Amino acid sequence: MLVMLPLLLPPAILPLALLVEQVPMLLFGLPLMAAASLVFAATHHEQAEAIKWAALEWAVWLVGILGVVMVVVLVISSL
């Protein structure tokens, strides 16, 4: 499938498609991170507005930390 990707996708989307192809379970982790941040925020706040902002903050932290881990793993695996 990797050989056919350049023929099917526009050039702007190709790097993202290649990353998702290398890490196929990446897309399954995003809803889990969103759910985890929402549950964590809801257990620490009572008001809806505070829950929304806290969930967004936790989602950014989770995506950032796990993104750094993913980049490190990809760099190590390419060596």
PDB file of N, CA and C in Angstrom:
ATOM      1  N   MET A   1       0.824  -1.192   0.000  1.00  0.00           N
ATOM      2  CA  MET A   1       0.000   0.000   0.000  1.00  0.00           C
ATOM      3  C   MET A   1       0.862   1.246   0.000  1.00  0.00           C
ATOM      4  N   LEU A   2       2.038   1.198   0.574  1.00  0.00           N
ATOM      5  CA  LEU A   2       2.907   2.361   0.642  1.00  0.00           C
ATOM      6  C   LEU A   2       3.288   2.857  -0.746  1.00  0.00           C
ATOM      7  N   VAL A   3       3.432   1.970  -1.703  1.00  0.00           N
ATOM      8  CA  VAL A   3       3.800   2.358  -3.063  1.00  0.00           C
ATOM      9  C   VAL A   3       2.661   3.113  -3.729  1.00  0.00           C
ATOM     10  N   MET A   4       1.410   2.792  -3.404  1.00  0.00           N
ATOM     11  CA  MET A   4       0.272   3.417  -4.055  1.00  0.00           C
ATOM     12  C   MET A   4      -0.124   4.752  -3.432  1.00  0.00           C
ATOM     13  N   LEU A   5       0.345   5.070  -2.223  1.00  0.00           N
ATOM     14  CA  LEU A   5      -0.055   6.306  -1.567  1.00  0.00           C
ATOM     15  C   LEU A   5       0.241   7.563  -2.376  1.00  0.00           C
ATOM     16  N   PRO A   6       1.414   7.719  -2.989  1.00  0.00           N
ATOM     17  CA  PRO A   6       1.651   8.949  -3.747  1.00  0.00           C
ATOM     18  C   PRO A   6       0.683   9.129  -4.915  1.00  0.00           C
ATOM     19  N   LEU A   7       0.137   8.057  -5.437  1.00  0.00           N
ATOM     20  CA  LEU A   7      -0.794   8.167  -6.551  1.00  0.00           C
ATOM     21  C   LEU A   7      -2.194   8.555  -6.092  1.00  0.00           C
ATOM     22  N   LEU A   8      -2.538   8.276  -4.844  1.00  0.00           N
ATOM     23  CA  LEU A   8      -3.898   8.491  -4.378  1.00  0.00           C
ATOM     24  C   LEU A   8      -4.090   9.770  -3.583  1.00  0.00           C
ATOM     25  N   LEU A   9      -3.061  10.297  -2.953  1.00  0.00           N
ATOM     26  CA  LEU A   9      -3.213  11.432  -2.051  1.00  0.00           C
ATOM     27  C   LEU A   9      -2.544  12.685  -2.592  1.00  0.00           C
ATOM     28  N   PRO A  10      -3.123  13.842  -2.281  1.00  0.00           N
ATOM     29  CA  PRO A  10      -2.453  15.092  -2.667  1.00  0.00           C
ATOM     30  C   PRO A  10      -1.159  15.260  -1.881  1.00  0.00           C
ATOM     31  N   PRO A  11      -0.208  16.015  -2.400  1.00  0.00           N
ATOM     32  CA  PRO A  11       1.105  16.148  -1.746  1.00  0.00           C
ATOM     33  C   PRO A  11       1.050  16.712  -0.331  1.00  0.00           C
ATOM     34  N   ALA A  12       0.072  17.553  -0.022  1.00  0.00           N
ATOM     35  CA  ALA A  12       0.012  18.138   1.317  1.00  0.00           C
ATOM     36  C   ALA A  12      -0.367  17.117   2.378  1.00  0.00           C
ATOM     37  N   ILE A  13      -1.109  16.087   2.028  1.00  0.00           N
ATOM     38  CA  ILE A  13      -1.584  15.093   2.993  1.00  0.00           C
ATOM     39  C   ILE A  13      -0.634  13.900   3.080  1.00  0.00           C
ATOM     40  N   LEU A  14       0.255  13.754   2.138  1.00  0.00           N
ATOM     41  CA  LEU A  14       1.118  12.577   2.078  1.00  0.00           C
ATOM     42  C   LEU A  14       1.958  12.349   3.334  1.00  0.00           C
ATOM     43  N   PRO A  15       2.641  13.364   3.919  1.00  0.00           N
ATOM     44  CA  PRO A  15       3.434  13.081   5.134  1.00  0.00           C
ATOM     45  C   PRO A  15       2.592  12.561   6.294  1.00  0.00           C
ATOM     46  N   LEU A  16       1.397  13.130   6.478  1.00  0.00           N
ATOM     47  CA  LEU A  16       0.526  12.654   7.555  1.00  0.00           C
ATOM     48  C   LEU A  16       0.066  11.225   7.290  1.00  0.00           C
ATOM     49  N   ALA A  17      -0.244  10.916   6.040  1.00  0.00           N
ATOM     50  CA  ALA A  17      -0.682   9.566   5.694  1.00  0.00           C
ATOM     51  C   ALA A  17       0.442   8.552   5.917  1.00  0.00           C
ATOM     52  N   LEU A  18       1.654   8.935   5.606  1.00  0.00           N
ATOM     53  CA  LEU A  18       2.783   8.034   5.830  1.00  0.00           C
ATOM     54  C   LEU A  18       3.025   7.802   7.317  1.00  0.00           C
ATOM     55  N   LEU A  19       2.828   8.843   8.136  1.00  0.00           N
ATOM     56  CA  LEU A  19       2.982   8.688   9.584  1.00  0.00           C
ATOM     57  C   LEU A  19       1.914   7.753  10.131  1.00  0.00           C
ATOM     58  N   VAL A  20       0.673   7.924   9.697  1.00  0.00           N
ATOM     59  CA  VAL A  20      -0.411   7.072  10.177  1.00  0.00           C
ATOM     60  C   VAL A  20      -0.193   5.633   9.715  1.00  0.00           C
ATOM     61  N   GLU A  21       0.386   5.463   8.531  1.00  0.00           N
ATOM     62  CA  GLU A  21       0.667   4.113   8.052  1.00  0.00           C
ATOM     63  C   GLU A  21       1.761   3.456   8.891  1.00  0.00           C
ATOM     64  N   GLN A  22       2.732   4.239   9.362  1.00  0.00           N
ATOM     65  CA  GLN A  22       3.784   3.680  10.204  1.00  0.00           C
ATOM     66  C   GLN A  22       3.269   3.364  11.600  1.00  0.00           C
ATOM     67  N   VAL A  23       2.338   4.148  12.084  1.00  0.00           N
ATOM     68  CA  VAL A  23       1.809   3.983  13.434  1.00  0.00           C
ATOM     69  C   VAL A  23       0.294   3.783  13.318  1.00  0.00           C
ATOM     70  N   PRO A  24      -0.168   2.590  12.927  1.00  0.00           N
ATOM     71  CA  PRO A  24      -1.593   2.405  12.633  1.00  0.00           C
ATOM     72  C   PRO A  24      -2.513   2.559  13.835  1.00  0.00           C
ATOM     73  N   MET A  25      -2.038   2.306  15.023  1.00  0.00           N
ATOM     74  CA  MET A  25      -2.902   2.405  16.193  1.00  0.00           C
ATOM     75  C   MET A  25      -3.005   3.832  16.719  1.00  0.00           C
ATOM     76  N   LEU A  26      -2.349   4.792  16.066  1.00  0.00           N
ATOM     77  CA  LEU A  26      -2.369   6.177  16.505  1.00  0.00           C
ATOM     78  C   LEU A  26      -3.786   6.728  16.542  1.00  0.00           C
ATOM     79  N   LEU A  27      -4.580   6.414  15.543  1.00  0.00           N
ATOM     80  CA  LEU A  27      -5.929   6.959  15.476  1.00  0.00           C
ATOM     81  C   LEU A  27      -6.846   6.379  16.548  1.00  0.00           C
ATOM     82  N   PHE A  28      -6.552   5.185  17.034  1.00  0.00           N
ATOM     83  CA  PHE A  28      -7.349   4.611  18.109  1.00  0.00           C
ATOM     84  C   PHE A  28      -7.028   5.263  19.456  1.00  0.00           C
ATOM     85  N   GLY A  29      -5.856   5.826  19.582  1.00  0.00           N
ATOM     86  CA  GLY A  29      -5.463   6.442  20.843  1.00  0.00           C
ATOM     87  C   GLY A  29      -6.047   7.817  21.069  1.00  0.00           C
ATOM     88  N   LEU A  30      -6.377   8.538  20.003  1.00  0.00           N
ATOM     89  CA  LEU A  30      -6.895   9.899  20.167  1.00  0.00           C
ATOM     90  C   LEU A  30      -8.227   9.942  20.917  1.00  0.00           C
ATOM     91  N   PRO A  31      -9.213   9.113  20.586  1.00  0.00           N
ATOM     92  CA  PRO A  31     -10.444   9.142  21.391  1.00  0.00           C
ATOM     93  C   PRO A  31     -10.223   8.713  22.842  1.00  0.00           C
ATOM     94  N   LEU A  32      -9.293   7.813  23.051  1.00  0.00           N
ATOM     95  CA  LEU A  32      -8.998   7.395  24.422  1.00  0.00           C
ATOM     96  C   LEU A  32      -8.392   8.538  25.226  1.00  0.00           C
ATOM     97  N   MET A  33      -7.507   9.316  24.598  1.00  0.00           N
ATOM     98  CA  MET A  33      -6.927  10.465  25.294  1.00  0.00           C
ATOM     99  C   MET A  33      -7.987  11.525  25.575  1.00  0.00           C
ATOM    100  N   ALA A  34      -8.900  11.732  24.631  1.00  0.00           N
ATOM    101  CA  ALA A  34      -9.982  12.703  24.847  1.00  0.00           C
ATOM    102  C   ALA A  34     -10.885  12.251  25.995  1.00  0.00           C
ATOM    103  N   ALA A  35     -11.223  10.982  26.026  1.00  0.00           N
ATOM    104  CA  ALA A  35     -12.077  10.468  27.100  1.00  0.00           C
ATOM    105  C   ALA A  35     -11.377  10.544  28.452  1.00  0.00           C
ATOM    106  N   ALA A  36     -10.104  10.207  28.479  1.00  0.00           N
ATOM    107  CA  ALA A  36      -9.359  10.258  29.742  1.00  0.00           C
ATOM    108  C   ALA A  36      -9.272  11.683  30.271  1.00  0.00           C
ATOM    109  N   SER A  37      -9.009  12.640  29.393  1.00  0.00           N
ATOM    110  CA  SER A  37      -8.915  14.027  29.855  1.00  0.00           C
ATOM    111  C   SER A  37     -10.270  14.548  30.317  1.00  0.00           C
ATOM    112  N   LEU A  38     -11.347  14.150  29.647  1.00  0.00           N
ATOM    113  CA  LEU A  38     -12.682  14.591  30.055  1.00  0.00           C
ATOM    114  C   LEU A  38     -13.063  14.001  31.409  1.00  0.00           C
ATOM    115  N   VAL A  39     -12.801  12.718  31.621  1.00  0.00           N
ATOM    116  CA  VAL A  39     -13.129  12.080  32.900  1.00  0.00           C
ATOM    117  C   VAL A  39     -12.279  12.677  34.019  1.00  0.00           C
ATOM    118  N   PHE A  40     -11.008  12.900  33.755  1.00  0.00           N
ATOM    119  CA  PHE A  40     -10.138  13.473  34.788  1.00  0.00           C
ATOM    120  C   PHE A  40     -10.598  14.875  35.156  1.00  0.00           C
ATOM    121  N   ALA A  41     -10.950  15.681  34.148  1.00  0.00           N
ATOM    122  CA  ALA A  41     -11.415  17.043  34.420  1.00  0.00           C
ATOM    123  C   ALA A  41     -12.746  17.031  35.155  1.00  0.00           C
ATOM    124  N   ALA A  42     -13.625  16.114  34.793  1.00  0.00           N
ATOM    125  CA  ALA A  42     -14.935  16.060  35.440  1.00  0.00           C
ATOM    126  C   ALA A  42     -14.843  15.630  36.898  1.00  0.00           C
ATOM    127  N   THR A  43     -13.830  14.860  37.245  1.00  0.00           N
ATOM    128  CA  THR A  43     -13.685  14.450  38.643  1.00  0.00           C
ATOM    129  C   THR A  43     -13.074  15.543  39.509  1.00  0.00           C
ATOM    130  N   HIS A  44     -12.516  16.577  38.876  1.00  0.00           N
ATOM    131  CA  HIS A  44     -11.898  17.654  39.645  1.00  0.00           C
ATOM    132  C   HIS A  44     -12.706  18.949  39.638  1.00  0.00           C
ATOM    133  N   HIS A  45     -13.729  19.046  38.818  1.00  0.00           N
ATOM    134  CA  HIS A  45     -14.525  20.268  38.723  1.00  0.00           C
ATOM    135  C   HIS A  45     -16.007  19.911  38.691  1.00  0.00           C
ATOM    136  N   GLU A  46     -16.843  20.878  39.080  1.00  0.00           N
ATOM    137  CA  GLU A  46     -18.279  20.648  39.075  1.00  0.00           C
ATOM    138  C   GLU A  46     -19.001  21.436  37.993  1.00  0.00           C
ATOM    139  N   GLN A  47     -18.480  22.578  37.610  1.00  0.00           N
ATOM    140  CA  GLN A  47     -19.146  23.425  36.622  1.00  0.00           C
ATOM    141  C   GLN A  47     -18.727  23.022  35.212  1.00  0.00           C
ATOM    142  N   ALA A  48     -19.679  23.115  34.281  1.00  0.00           N
ATOM    143  CA  ALA A  48     -19.437  22.661  32.901  1.00  0.00           C
ATOM    144  C   ALA A  48     -18.317  23.454  32.225  1.00  0.00           C
ATOM    145  N   GLU A  49     -18.286  24.741  32.438  1.00  0.00           N
ATOM    146  CA  GLU A  49     -17.247  25.561  31.794  1.00  0.00           C
ATOM    147  C   GLU A  49     -15.852  25.197  32.309  1.00  0.00           C
ATOM    148  N   ALA A  50     -15.733  24.964  33.596  1.00  0.00           N
ATOM    149  CA  ALA A  50     -14.451  24.565  34.177  1.00  0.00           C
ATOM    150  C   ALA A  50     -14.035  23.193  33.674  1.00  0.00           C
ATOM    151  N   ILE A  51     -15.001  22.298  33.500  1.00  0.00           N
ATOM    152  CA  ILE A  51     -14.699  20.956  32.984  1.00  0.00           C
ATOM    153  C   ILE A  51     -14.182  21.051  31.554  1.00  0.00           C
ATOM    154  N   LYS A  52     -14.803  21.895  30.732  1.00  0.00           N
ATOM    155  CA  LYS A  52     -14.368  22.042  29.338  1.00  0.00           C
ATOM    156  C   LYS A  52     -12.930  22.533  29.255  1.00  0.00           C
ATOM    157  N   TRP A  53     -12.607  23.569  30.025  1.00  0.00           N
ATOM    158  CA  TRP A  53     -11.241  24.111  29.965  1.00  0.00           C
ATOM    159  C   TRP A  53     -10.211  23.145  30.543  1.00  0.00           C
ATOM    160  N   ALA A  54     -10.573  22.475  31.623  1.00  0.00           N
ATOM    161  CA  ALA A  54      -9.645  21.505  32.219  1.00  0.00           C
ATOM    162  C   ALA A  54      -9.440  20.309  31.293  1.00  0.00           C
ATOM    163  N   ALA A  55     -10.504  19.870  30.628  1.00  0.00           N
ATOM    164  CA  ALA A  55     -10.380  18.747  29.688  1.00  0.00           C
ATOM    165  C   ALA A  55      -9.483  19.133  28.525  1.00  0.00           C
ATOM    166  N   LEU A  56      -9.634  20.352  28.027  1.00  0.00           N
ATOM    167  CA  LEU A  56      -8.774  20.822  26.943  1.00  0.00           C
ATOM    168  C   LEU A  56      -7.313  20.889  27.390  1.00  0.00           C
ATOM    169  N   GLU A  57      -7.102  21.393  28.598  1.00  0.00           N
ATOM    170  CA  GLU A  57      -5.732  21.477  29.127  1.00  0.00           C
ATOM    171  C   GLU A  57      -5.105  20.085  29.275  1.00  0.00           C
ATOM    172  N   TRP A  58      -5.856  19.141  29.824  1.00  0.00           N
ATOM    173  CA  TRP A  58      -5.330  17.783  29.987  1.00  0.00           C
ATOM    174  C   TRP A  58      -5.115  17.093  28.650  1.00  0.00           C
ATOM    175  N   ALA A  59      -5.997  17.342  27.689  1.00  0.00           N
ATOM    176  CA  ALA A  59      -5.821  16.751  26.358  1.00  0.00           C
ATOM    177  C   ALA A  59      -4.543  17.264  25.711  1.00  0.00           C
ATOM    178  N   VAL A  60      -4.273  18.557  25.853  1.00  0.00           N
ATOM    179  CA  VAL A  60      -3.036  19.109  25.290  1.00  0.00           C
ATOM    180  C   VAL A  60      -1.817  18.475  25.952  1.00  0.00           C
ATOM    181  N   TRP A  61      -1.864  18.328  27.264  1.00  0.00           N
ATOM    182  CA  TRP A  61      -0.751  17.694  27.967  1.00  0.00           C
ATOM    183  C   TRP A  61      -0.551  16.243  27.522  1.00  0.00           C
ATOM    184  N   LEU A  62      -1.640  15.496  27.446  1.00  0.00           N
ATOM    185  CA  LEU A  62      -1.535  14.088  27.041  1.00  0.00           C
ATOM    186  C   LEU A  62      -1.015  13.945  25.616  1.00  0.00           C
ATOM    187  N   VAL A  63      -1.562  14.723  24.695  1.00  0.00           N
ATOM    188  CA  VAL A  63      -1.115  14.650  23.307  1.00  0.00           C
ATOM    189  C   VAL A  63       0.346  15.078  23.206  1.00  0.00           C
ATOM    190  N   GLY A  64       0.729  16.095  23.951  1.00  0.00           N
ATOM    191  CA  GLY A  64       2.119  16.551  23.916  1.00  0.00           C
ATOM    192  C   GLY A  64       3.094  15.504  24.442  1.00  0.00           C
ATOM    193  N   ILE A  65       2.790  14.957  25.591  1.00  0.00           N
ATOM    194  CA  ILE A  65       3.689  13.969  26.192  1.00  0.00           C
ATOM    195  C   ILE A  65       3.761  12.707  25.337  1.00  0.00           C
ATOM    196  N   LEU A  66       2.597  12.200  24.926  1.00  0.00           N
ATOM    197  CA  LEU A  66       2.604  10.989  24.116  1.00  0.00           C
ATOM    198  C   LEU A  66       3.162  11.243  22.718  1.00  0.00           C
ATOM    199  N   GLY A  67       3.008  12.460  22.218  1.00  0.00           N
ATOM    200  CA  GLY A  67       3.612  12.805  20.933  1.00  0.00           C
ATOM    201  C   GLY A  67       5.122  12.780  20.995  1.00  0.00           C
ATOM    202  N   VAL A  68       5.680  13.300  22.086  1.00  0.00           N
ATOM    203  CA  VAL A  68       7.137  13.272  22.260  1.00  0.00           C
ATOM    204  C   VAL A  68       7.620  11.822  22.364  1.00  0.00           C
ATOM    205  N   VAL A  69       6.900  11.004  23.105  1.00  0.00           N
ATOM    206  CA  VAL A  69       7.274   9.591  23.218  1.00  0.00           C
ATOM    207  C   VAL A  69       7.225   8.913  21.849  1.00  0.00           C
ATOM    208  N   MET A  70       6.189   9.219  21.065  1.00  0.00           N
ATOM    209  CA  MET A  70       6.068   8.622  19.736  1.00  0.00           C
ATOM    210  C   MET A  70       7.221   9.041  18.827  1.00  0.00           C
ATOM    211  N   VAL A  71       7.598  10.309  18.884  1.00  0.00           N
ATOM    212  CA  VAL A  71       8.713  10.776  18.058  1.00  0.00           C
ATOM    213  C   VAL A  71      10.009  10.086  18.467  1.00  0.00           C
ATOM    214  N   VAL A  72      10.227   9.938  19.763  1.00  0.00           N
ATOM    215  CA  VAL A  72      11.440   9.258  20.237  1.00  0.00           C
ATOM    216  C   VAL A  72      11.458   7.806  19.757  1.00  0.00           C
ATOM    217  N   VAL A  73      10.312   7.133  19.851  1.00  0.00           N
ATOM    218  CA  VAL A  73      10.247   5.739  19.403  1.00  0.00           C
ATOM    219  C   VAL A  73      10.493   5.651  17.891  1.00  0.00           C
ATOM    220  N   LEU A  74       9.918   6.564  17.117  1.00  0.00           N
ATOM    221  CA  LEU A  74      10.133   6.552  15.671  1.00  0.00           C
ATOM    222  C   LEU A  74      11.595   6.812  15.306  1.00  0.00           C
ATOM    223  N   VAL A  75      12.220   7.740  16.024  1.00  0.00           N
ATOM    224  CA  VAL A  75      13.640   8.028  15.756  1.00  0.00           C
ATOM    225  C   VAL A  75      14.495   6.823  16.107  1.00  0.00           C
ATOM    226  N   ILE A  76      14.235   6.204  17.254  1.00  0.00           N
ATOM    227  CA  ILE A  76      15.019   5.042  17.652  1.00  0.00           C
ATOM    228  C   ILE A  76      14.791   3.883  16.694  1.00  0.00           C
ATOM    229  N   SER A  77      13.548   3.696  16.225  1.00  0.00           N
ATOM    230  CA  SER A  77      13.289   2.581  15.323  1.00  0.00           C
ATOM    231  C   SER A  77      13.878   2.799  13.929  1.00  0.00           C
ATOM    232  N   SER A  78      14.138   4.046  13.560  1.00  0.00           N
ATOM    233  CA  SER A  78      14.711   4.295  12.234  1.00  0.00           C
ATOM    234  C   SER A  78      16.231   4.174  12.224  1.00  0.00           C
ATOM    235  N   LEU A  79      16.836   4.055  13.402  1.00  0.00           N
ATOM    236  CA  LEU A  79      18.319   3.925  13.465  1.00  0.00           C
ATOM    237  C   LEU A  79      18.770   2.538  13.091  1.00  0.00           C
TER     238      LEU A  79
END
